[in-house]
Amino acid sequence: MVKIANLKKKKPVIKKIGEPPGTLLYTGDSEKDKIKIRIIDYNEKDFKISEYDHLPENFEKIEKNYIRWINIEGIKQIKTIEELGKGINLHPLVLEDIVNPHQRPKFEDYTEYVFIIIKRLIWDENENEFINEQISLILGSKFLISIKEHESNLFAPVVERIQASKGRVRNMDADYLLYALLDVIIDNYFIVQEVIGELIEQIEDILISDPKIETLQSIYKLKRDIIDLRKSIWPLRAVINSLQREQSDLISEHMQIYLRDIYDHVFRISDSLENYRDIISGMLDMYLSSVSNKMNEIMKVLTIISTIFIPLSFLAGLYGMNFVFMPELQNPLGYPTLLIVMGSILTVMLFYFRRKGWI
């Protein structure tokens, strides 16, 4: 039986109920207090990379002609998030959304900065499950801040491009860095899409060959996962639309072509998930049809067996009455004659059923 992946879900907690708006209270499921901060300063000719376990002093001060990328991994330390908010004057509700990793993807323009929430979806082969993680992005005029709940190498390709000066990232402003990070996150969606397609193919093979109750459970589990994935991807279309339509000074006009490319990717993935949901519904119908056909085959076999034994049972019952005046009982060839008659009836019926294609 195929092993169906589970979407790793973060269960919201109710400990924030009753707290005033803007209260910073971590509601995720990470058990690690460790935080990792990487600050990358770069321009067309140079780059600098520094790593910290806390926010350095004057982290908001950026050298002239440099772009600063602050990547924070770990949000359980509320003090660090508070220092980040004070340093670049973030709205308290933005900080609240950062430490509450159960938000829907969204876009908010605060004039001096742009705040984006997006979901990271990735296939974990070791755990055989989908990982759903919130990533917060804050775009300023000369900086970009990315905040993740867990440590990972998700943005390693972008870091390598900065170090090797590949592509346009070193020659562009911070808005292009935002595009590069969004592109990496969305590219992982295609991997998830391929995994779902493979799982669907495996289940379809089982449905055709030998459907069981475990197959039905797998179908329902995959259907729930697709619904959860859709909740993370579908709102992203509105986010990219807002990035395109908002007249923000932080996003230059030449970025529109890149944003349209991202929107096209998101649209394709959303369309694929819709198709997968329809396929899953069809698989449920296929399972019910397969089980019904299998039951019909069983009933057909039982009916044929019953039909064959009805005349045989009749003869056996007739001559089992032991009436004294039955002449066949006195004939020494009566017993073998009855067996021959019963065998002849059996042979004729089997031949008839075979000719009709029933067996």
Protein backbone atom coordinates (compact mmCIF):
# COMPACT_ATOMS: atom_id res chain seq x y z
CA MET A 1 0.00 0.00 0.00
CA VAL A 2 1.29 3.44 -0.90
CA LYS A 3 2.35 5.58 2.02
CA ILE A 4 0.55 8.89 1.80
CA ALA A 5 2.27 12.02 2.96
CA ASN A 6 0.86 14.21 5.67
CA LEU A 7 0.90 17.96 5.65
CA LYS A 8 2.79 19.08 8.72
CA LYS A 9 0.27 21.41 10.29
CA LYS A 10 0.77 23.99 12.97
CA LYS A 11 -2.09 23.79 15.41
CA PRO A 12 -3.15 27.23 16.57
CA VAL A 13 -3.32 27.76 20.29
CA ILE A 14 -5.79 29.83 22.21
CA LYS A 15 -3.34 31.49 24.59
CA LYS A 16 -3.66 34.85 22.74
CA ILE A 17 -7.38 35.12 23.41
CA GLY A 18 -8.09 38.19 25.51
CA GLU A 19 -4.71 39.83 24.90
CA PRO A 20 -4.72 43.41 23.51
CA PRO A 21 -3.86 43.92 19.82
CA GLY A 22 -0.13 44.11 19.18
CA THR A 23 0.79 41.80 22.06
CA LEU A 24 3.86 39.78 21.13
CA LEU A 25 3.26 36.19 22.10
CA TYR A 26 4.81 33.30 20.18
CA THR A 27 2.14 30.79 19.12
CA GLY A 28 4.20 28.42 16.97
CA ASP A 29 5.37 24.89 17.69
CA SER A 30 9.14 25.31 17.68
CA GLU A 31 10.87 24.05 20.80
CA LYS A 32 14.20 25.76 20.06
CA ASP A 33 15.01 29.15 21.56
CA LYS A 34 18.09 29.48 19.37
CA ILE A 35 18.05 32.29 16.85
CA LYS A 36 20.34 32.73 13.86
CA ILE A 37 20.81 36.08 12.15
CA ARG A 38 22.70 36.60 8.91
CA ILE A 39 23.34 40.13 7.60
CA ILE A 40 24.48 40.51 4.01
CA ASP A 41 25.55 43.91 2.69
CA TYR A 42 26.23 44.09 -1.01
CA ASN A 43 26.48 46.30 -4.04
CA GLU A 44 27.67 45.84 -7.59
CA LYS A 45 31.35 45.54 -6.62
CA ASP A 46 31.41 44.18 -3.07
CA PHE A 47 29.56 42.09 -0.49
CA LYS A 48 29.91 41.37 3.24
CA ILE A 49 28.35 38.51 5.20
CA SER A 50 28.13 38.45 9.01
CA GLU A 51 26.36 36.01 11.32
CA TYR A 52 25.05 36.69 14.83
CA ASP A 53 23.00 35.05 17.54
CA HIS A 54 21.40 38.41 18.38
CA LEU A 55 20.69 41.67 16.61
CA PRO A 56 23.84 43.83 16.55
CA GLU A 57 23.74 47.46 17.61
CA ASN A 58 22.79 49.95 14.91
CA PHE A 59 21.75 47.13 12.60
CA GLU A 60 19.46 49.59 10.84
CA LYS A 61 22.42 51.77 9.78
CA ILE A 62 23.31 50.91 6.20
CA GLU A 63 26.45 52.04 4.43
CA LYS A 64 26.02 54.29 1.44
CA ASN A 65 25.48 52.53 -1.90
CA TYR A 66 24.87 49.18 -0.16
CA ILE A 67 21.78 46.97 0.04
CA ARG A 68 21.26 45.15 3.34
CA TRP A 69 19.58 41.77 3.65
CA ILE A 70 18.82 40.64 7.20
CA ASN A 71 17.78 36.99 7.40
CA ILE A 72 16.41 35.89 10.79
CA GLU A 73 15.79 32.21 11.54
CA GLY A 74 13.85 31.63 14.75
CA ILE A 75 11.09 33.82 16.20
CA LYS A 76 10.64 32.33 19.64
CA GLN A 77 12.82 35.03 21.20
CA ILE A 78 10.30 37.83 21.48
CA LYS A 79 12.96 40.29 22.64
CA THR A 80 14.77 40.05 19.30
CA ILE A 81 11.55 40.76 17.38
CA GLU A 82 10.86 43.75 19.64
CA GLU A 83 14.37 45.12 18.98
CA LEU A 84 13.82 44.65 15.27
CA GLY A 85 10.56 46.60 15.46
CA LYS A 86 12.14 49.47 17.38
CA GLY A 87 15.14 49.65 15.07
CA ILE A 88 13.16 50.17 11.85
CA ASN A 89 9.93 51.46 13.40
CA LEU A 90 7.62 48.55 12.56
CA HIS A 91 3.94 48.70 13.44
CA PRO A 92 3.02 46.58 16.51
CA LEU A 93 0.50 44.59 14.45
CA VAL A 94 3.26 43.66 12.01
CA LEU A 95 5.36 42.31 14.88
CA GLU A 96 2.32 40.41 16.15
CA ASP A 97 1.84 38.77 12.76
CA ILE A 98 5.50 37.78 12.63
CA VAL A 99 5.45 35.86 15.93
CA ASN A 100 2.06 34.29 15.18
CA PRO A 101 2.91 31.83 12.37
CA HIS A 102 -0.70 30.96 11.52
CA GLN A 103 -1.43 33.87 9.18
CA ARG A 104 -2.75 33.68 5.66
CA PRO A 105 -0.48 35.02 2.91
CA LYS A 106 -1.02 38.75 2.69
CA PHE A 107 0.42 42.08 1.55
CA GLU A 108 0.40 45.37 3.46
CA ASP A 109 1.89 48.70 2.36
CA TYR A 110 3.01 50.94 5.23
CA THR A 111 4.52 53.57 2.89
CA GLU A 112 7.99 53.39 4.47
CA TYR A 113 8.07 49.63 4.11
CA VAL A 114 6.12 46.76 2.59
CA PHE A 115 5.13 43.76 4.69
CA ILE A 116 4.48 40.37 3.05
CA ILE A 117 3.56 37.00 4.53
CA ILE A 118 4.07 33.92 2.37
CA LYS A 119 4.02 30.19 3.09
CA ARG A 120 6.99 27.94 2.48
CA LEU A 121 5.88 24.53 1.21
CA ILE A 122 8.47 21.82 0.84
CA TRP A 123 8.59 18.04 0.61
CA ASP A 124 10.56 16.35 3.38
CA GLU A 125 11.70 12.97 2.05
CA ASN A 126 13.05 11.82 5.43
CA GLU A 127 9.77 12.39 7.28
CA ASN A 128 7.61 11.67 4.20
CA GLU A 129 5.51 14.77 4.75
CA PHE A 130 4.83 18.27 3.51
CA ILE A 131 6.24 21.14 5.58
CA ASN A 132 4.23 24.34 5.87
CA GLU A 133 6.14 27.30 7.32
CA GLN A 134 5.36 31.01 7.47
CA ILE A 135 7.94 33.44 6.08
CA SER A 136 7.67 37.17 6.74
CA LEU A 137 9.29 39.63 4.34
CA ILE A 138 9.81 43.35 5.03
CA LEU A 139 10.97 45.52 2.14
CA GLY A 140 12.46 48.97 2.74
CA SER A 141 14.17 51.45 0.48
CA LYS A 142 17.64 49.94 0.94
CA PHE A 143 16.98 46.81 2.94
CA LEU A 144 15.06 43.56 3.02
CA ILE A 145 14.30 41.50 6.12
CA SER A 146 13.28 37.84 5.85
CA ILE A 147 12.04 36.07 8.98
CA LYS A 148 11.53 32.31 9.25
CA GLU A 149 10.39 30.22 12.16
CA HIS A 150 12.91 27.43 11.61
CA GLU A 151 16.48 27.22 10.42
CA SER A 152 16.87 25.99 6.84
CA ASN A 153 18.89 26.47 3.66
CA LEU A 154 15.87 27.66 1.68
CA PHE A 155 17.58 30.87 0.57
CA ALA A 156 20.98 29.28 -0.07
CA PRO A 157 20.67 29.70 -3.89
CA VAL A 158 20.17 33.46 -3.49
CA VAL A 159 23.14 33.74 -1.11
CA GLU A 160 25.31 31.88 -3.62
CA ARG A 161 24.23 34.23 -6.40
CA ILE A 162 25.21 37.21 -4.26
CA GLN A 163 28.59 35.70 -3.39
CA ALA A 164 29.37 34.69 -6.98
CA SER A 165 27.81 37.83 -8.46
CA LYS A 166 25.57 35.73 -10.70
CA GLY A 167 22.49 37.17 -12.31
CA ARG A 168 21.16 40.65 -11.65
CA VAL A 169 20.79 40.62 -7.88
CA ARG A 170 24.06 42.51 -7.17
CA ASN A 171 23.20 45.17 -9.74
CA MET A 172 19.62 45.78 -8.61
CA ASP A 173 17.82 47.38 -5.68
CA ALA A 174 16.21 45.64 -2.71
CA ASP A 175 12.97 45.08 -4.62
CA TYR A 176 14.78 42.66 -6.95
CA LEU A 177 16.07 40.78 -3.89
CA LEU A 178 12.44 40.49 -2.78
CA TYR A 179 11.59 38.99 -6.16
CA ALA A 180 14.52 36.54 -5.89
CA LEU A 181 13.31 35.28 -2.49
CA LEU A 182 9.70 34.98 -3.66
CA ASP A 183 10.88 33.09 -6.73
CA VAL A 184 12.83 30.57 -4.62
CA ILE A 185 9.85 29.98 -2.32
CA ILE A 186 7.42 29.52 -5.21
CA ASP A 187 9.81 27.23 -7.10
CA ASN A 188 9.50 24.79 -4.20
CA TYR A 189 5.76 24.69 -4.88
CA PHE A 190 6.48 22.90 -8.16
CA ILE A 191 8.28 20.14 -6.24
CA VAL A 192 5.21 19.76 -4.01
CA GLN A 193 3.06 19.67 -7.14
CA GLU A 194 5.15 16.83 -8.61
CA VAL A 195 4.99 14.83 -5.36
CA ILE A 196 1.20 15.13 -5.28
CA GLY A 197 1.03 13.98 -8.90
CA GLU A 198 3.14 10.91 -8.12
CA LEU A 199 0.99 10.05 -5.10
CA ILE A 200 -2.15 10.32 -7.21
CA GLU A 201 -0.67 7.98 -9.84
CA GLN A 202 0.23 5.41 -7.18
CA ILE A 203 -3.27 5.47 -5.72
CA GLU A 204 -4.83 5.16 -9.18
CA ASP A 205 -2.75 2.03 -9.85
CA ILE A 206 -4.00 0.50 -6.60
CA LEU A 207 -7.59 1.47 -7.40
CA ILE A 208 -7.39 -0.41 -10.68
CA SER A 209 -5.63 -3.49 -9.31
CA ASP A 210 -6.86 -4.13 -5.76
CA PRO A 211 -8.69 -1.35 -3.87
CA LYS A 212 -8.96 -1.80 -0.11
CA ILE A 213 -10.24 0.24 2.81
CA GLU A 214 -6.69 1.58 3.31
CA THR A 215 -6.90 3.02 -0.21
CA LEU A 216 -10.00 5.01 0.74
CA GLN A 217 -8.21 6.33 3.83
CA SER A 218 -5.26 7.39 1.67
CA ILE A 219 -7.56 9.20 -0.75
CA TYR A 220 -9.25 11.19 2.02
CA LYS A 221 -5.88 12.02 3.61
CA LEU A 222 -4.49 13.29 0.31
CA LYS A 223 -7.66 15.29 -0.28
CA ARG A 224 -7.24 17.06 3.07
CA ASP A 225 -3.60 17.81 2.28
CA ILE A 226 -4.54 19.35 -1.07
CA ILE A 227 -7.15 21.54 0.64
CA ASP A 228 -4.55 22.73 3.17
CA LEU A 229 -2.00 23.41 0.42
CA ARG A 230 -4.61 25.36 -1.51
CA LYS A 231 -5.21 27.57 1.54
CA SER A 232 -1.52 28.50 1.47
CA ILE A 233 -1.24 29.08 -2.28
CA TRP A 234 -4.58 30.56 -3.35
CA PRO A 235 -4.27 33.85 -1.33
CA LEU A 236 -0.80 34.33 -2.82
CA ARG A 237 -2.43 35.38 -6.09
CA ALA A 238 -3.91 38.39 -4.32
CA VAL A 239 -0.52 39.16 -2.75
CA ILE A 240 1.26 39.26 -6.12
CA ASN A 241 -1.62 41.27 -7.60
CA SER A 242 -1.23 43.82 -4.81
CA LEU A 243 2.51 44.04 -5.45
CA GLN A 244 1.76 44.83 -9.10
CA ARG A 245 -1.09 47.28 -8.58
CA GLU A 246 0.03 49.22 -5.52
CA GLN A 247 1.82 52.43 -6.44
CA SER A 248 4.59 51.93 -3.91
CA ASP A 249 7.80 53.88 -4.27
CA LEU A 250 9.66 50.82 -2.96
CA ILE A 251 8.82 48.74 -6.04
CA SER A 252 10.18 50.14 -9.29
CA GLU A 253 8.38 49.99 -12.61
CA HIS A 254 10.87 47.59 -14.20
CA MET A 255 9.98 44.98 -11.55
CA GLN A 256 6.54 44.48 -13.06
CA ILE A 257 7.75 41.95 -15.62
CA TYR A 258 9.29 39.83 -12.85
CA LEU A 259 6.17 40.05 -10.73
CA ARG A 260 4.08 38.93 -13.71
CA ASP A 261 6.35 35.91 -14.04
CA ILE A 262 5.76 35.01 -10.36
CA TYR A 263 2.03 35.50 -10.78
CA ASP A 264 2.06 33.14 -13.76
CA HIS A 265 3.81 30.48 -11.64
CA VAL A 266 1.34 30.87 -8.80
CA PHE A 267 -1.59 30.70 -11.23
CA ARG A 268 -0.25 27.49 -12.78
CA ILE A 269 0.19 25.84 -9.39
CA SER A 270 -3.25 26.94 -8.21
CA ASP A 271 -4.76 25.59 -11.41
CA SER A 272 -2.95 22.28 -10.91
CA LEU A 273 -4.27 21.99 -7.34
CA GLU A 274 -7.79 22.56 -8.64
CA ASN A 275 -7.26 19.79 -11.17
CA TYR A 276 -5.87 17.50 -8.48
CA ARG A 277 -8.91 18.16 -6.31
CA ASP A 278 -11.18 17.14 -9.20
CA ILE A 279 -9.06 14.03 -9.79
CA ILE A 280 -9.32 13.09 -6.11
CA SER A 281 -13.12 13.40 -6.31
CA GLY A 282 -13.05 11.15 -9.36
CA MET A 283 -10.86 8.68 -7.48
CA LEU A 284 -13.48 8.46 -4.74
CA ASP A 285 -16.08 7.58 -7.37
CA MET A 286 -13.63 5.11 -8.92
CA TYR A 287 -13.10 3.46 -5.52
CA LEU A 288 -16.82 3.08 -4.95
CA SER A 289 -17.28 1.69 -8.47
CA SER A 290 -14.37 -0.74 -8.00
CA VAL A 291 -15.73 -1.96 -4.69
CA SER A 292 -19.21 -2.30 -6.21
CA ASN A 293 -17.85 -4.23 -9.19
CA LYS A 294 -15.86 -6.47 -6.87
CA MET A 295 -19.00 -7.14 -4.82
CA ASN A 296 -20.95 -7.89 -8.02
CA GLU A 297 -18.31 -10.44 -9.04
CA ILE A 298 -18.57 -12.12 -5.66
CA MET A 299 -22.36 -12.19 -5.83
CA LYS A 300 -22.21 -13.60 -9.38
CA VAL A 301 -19.98 -16.47 -8.26
CA LEU A 302 -22.23 -17.21 -5.27
CA THR A 303 -25.32 -17.07 -7.49
CA ILE A 304 -23.80 -19.50 -10.02
CA ILE A 305 -22.85 -21.92 -7.23
CA SER A 306 -26.35 -21.69 -5.76
CA THR A 307 -27.95 -22.19 -9.19
CA ILE A 308 -25.85 -25.28 -9.87
CA PHE A 309 -26.75 -26.90 -6.58
CA ILE A 310 -30.50 -26.19 -6.71
CA PRO A 311 -31.40 -29.16 -9.02
CA LEU A 312 -28.81 -31.36 -7.34
CA SER A 313 -30.28 -30.57 -3.94
CA PHE A 314 -33.74 -31.27 -5.29
CA LEU A 315 -32.78 -34.78 -6.49
CA ALA A 316 -30.85 -35.52 -3.30
CA GLY A 317 -33.85 -34.41 -1.23
CA LEU A 318 -36.32 -36.34 -3.37
CA TYR A 319 -34.54 -39.65 -3.02
CA GLY A 320 -33.67 -39.00 0.57
CA MET A 321 -37.33 -39.33 1.66
CA ASN A 322 -36.95 -43.18 1.95
CA PHE A 323 -40.53 -44.03 1.00
CA VAL A 324 -40.97 -47.83 0.81
CA PHE A 325 -42.83 -47.79 -2.52
CA MET A 326 -40.20 -45.81 -4.47
CA PRO A 327 -39.11 -48.34 -7.19
CA GLU A 328 -35.66 -46.75 -7.66
CA LEU A 329 -34.73 -47.67 -4.12
CA GLN A 330 -35.07 -51.38 -4.89
CA ASN A 331 -33.01 -51.18 -8.08
CA PRO A 332 -29.32 -52.05 -7.49
CA LEU A 333 -28.36 -49.50 -10.20
CA GLY A 334 -30.49 -46.75 -8.69
CA TYR A 335 -27.68 -45.06 -6.74
CA PRO A 336 -25.10 -44.91 -9.58
CA THR A 337 -27.85 -43.87 -12.01
CA LEU A 338 -28.77 -40.93 -9.77
CA LEU A 339 -25.13 -39.89 -9.53
CA ILE A 340 -24.82 -40.01 -13.33
CA VAL A 341 -27.96 -37.89 -13.73
CA MET A 342 -26.70 -35.36 -11.19
CA GLY A 343 -23.28 -35.24 -12.90
CA SER A 344 -24.94 -34.76 -16.28
CA ILE A 345 -27.00 -31.85 -14.94
CA LEU A 346 -23.86 -30.29 -13.46
CA THR A 347 -21.98 -30.64 -16.75
CA VAL A 348 -24.81 -29.21 -18.85
CA MET A 349 -25.23 -26.20 -16.53
CA LEU A 350 -21.49 -25.45 -16.47
CA PHE A 351 -21.39 -25.64 -20.27
CA TYR A 352 -24.39 -23.33 -20.54
CA PHE A 353 -22.91 -20.76 -18.11
CA ARG A 354 -19.59 -20.89 -19.94
CA ARG A 355 -21.27 -20.31 -23.28
CA LYS A 356 -23.13 -17.32 -21.88
CA GLY A 357 -19.86 -15.85 -20.56
CA TRP A 358 -20.99 -15.90 -16.94
CA ILE A 359 -17.98 -17.93 -15.81
